[in-house]
Amino acid sequence: MRNCFQALCPHKPSHLLWTEIFLYEYIYLNFQVVRKLHEVLS
């Protein structure tokens, strides 16, 4: 998996890549939660 990401972005250090992936996942999950809450409350 890690090699896959490094193949996509060889110019980036892997720790930066993992940080981006983590942030993306985190934001995406929060978005899903907020959307669900919005549906429940409305």
C-alpha atoms as a PDB file:
ATOM      1  CA  MET A   1       0.000   0.000   0.000  1.00  0.00           C
ATOM      2  CA  ARG A   2       2.731   2.417   1.014  1.00  0.00           C
ATOM      3  CA  ASN A   3       4.716   1.728  -2.159  1.00  0.00           C
ATOM      4  CA  CYS A   4       1.592   2.454  -4.134  1.00  0.00           C
ATOM      5  CA  PHE A   5       1.318   5.938  -2.651  1.00  0.00           C
ATOM      6  CA  GLN A   6       5.003   6.598  -3.169  1.00  0.00           C
ATOM      7  CA  ALA A   7       4.644   5.567  -6.804  1.00  0.00           C
ATOM      8  CA  LEU A   8       1.865   8.138  -7.223  1.00  0.00           C
ATOM      9  CA  CYS A   9       3.848  10.914  -5.542  1.00  0.00           C
ATOM     10  CA  PRO A  10       7.537  10.036  -5.683  1.00  0.00           C
ATOM     11  CA  HIS A  11       8.574  13.633  -5.027  1.00  0.00           C
ATOM     12  CA  LYS A  12       6.920  13.687  -1.600  1.00  0.00           C
ATOM     13  CA  PRO A  13       8.459  12.296   1.567  1.00  0.00           C
ATOM     14  CA  SER A  14       6.321   9.437   2.828  1.00  0.00           C
ATOM     15  CA  HIS A  15       5.581  11.085   6.191  1.00  0.00           C
ATOM     16  CA  LEU A  16       4.005  14.051   4.403  1.00  0.00           C
ATOM     17  CA  LEU A  17       1.997  11.682   2.285  1.00  0.00           C
ATOM     18  CA  TRP A  18       0.701   9.831   5.344  1.00  0.00           C
ATOM     19  CA  THR A  19      -0.180  13.131   7.005  1.00  0.00           C
ATOM     20  CA  GLU A  20      -2.237  14.135   3.983  1.00  0.00           C
ATOM     21  CA  ILE A  21      -3.994  10.781   3.863  1.00  0.00           C
ATOM     22  CA  PHE A  22      -4.757  10.980   7.575  1.00  0.00           C
ATOM     23  CA  LEU A  23      -6.125  14.516   7.288  1.00  0.00           C
ATOM     24  CA  TYR A  24      -8.252  13.595   4.284  1.00  0.00           C
ATOM     25  CA  GLU A  25      -9.728  10.592   6.109  1.00  0.00           C
ATOM     26  CA  TYR A  26     -10.361  12.687   9.211  1.00  0.00           C
ATOM     27  CA  ILE A  27     -12.110  15.478   7.303  1.00  0.00           C
ATOM     28  CA  TYR A  28     -14.151  12.978   5.297  1.00  0.00           C
ATOM     29  CA  LEU A  29     -15.316  11.157   8.432  1.00  0.00           C
ATOM     30  CA  ASN A  30     -16.251  14.417  10.137  1.00  0.00           C
ATOM     31  CA  PHE A  31     -18.215  15.459   7.061  1.00  0.00           C
ATOM     32  CA  GLN A  32     -20.185  12.194   7.151  1.00  0.00           C
ATOM     33  CA  VAL A  33     -20.961  12.637  10.851  1.00  0.00           C
ATOM     34  CA  VAL A  34     -22.071  16.240  10.394  1.00  0.00           C
ATOM     35  CA  ARG A  35     -24.292  15.282   7.477  1.00  0.00           C
ATOM     36  CA  LYS A  36     -25.916  12.492   9.489  1.00  0.00           C
ATOM     37  CA  LEU A  37     -26.536  14.829  12.416  1.00  0.00           C
ATOM     38  CA  HIS A  38     -28.057  17.366  10.066  1.00  0.00           C
ATOM     39  CA  GLU A  39     -30.442  14.730   8.671  1.00  0.00           C
ATOM     40  CA  VAL A  40     -31.452  13.594  12.158  1.00  0.00           C
ATOM     41  CA  LEU A  41     -32.039  17.109  13.470  1.00  0.00           C
ATOM     42  CA  SER A  42     -33.902  18.521  10.492  1.00  0.00           C
END
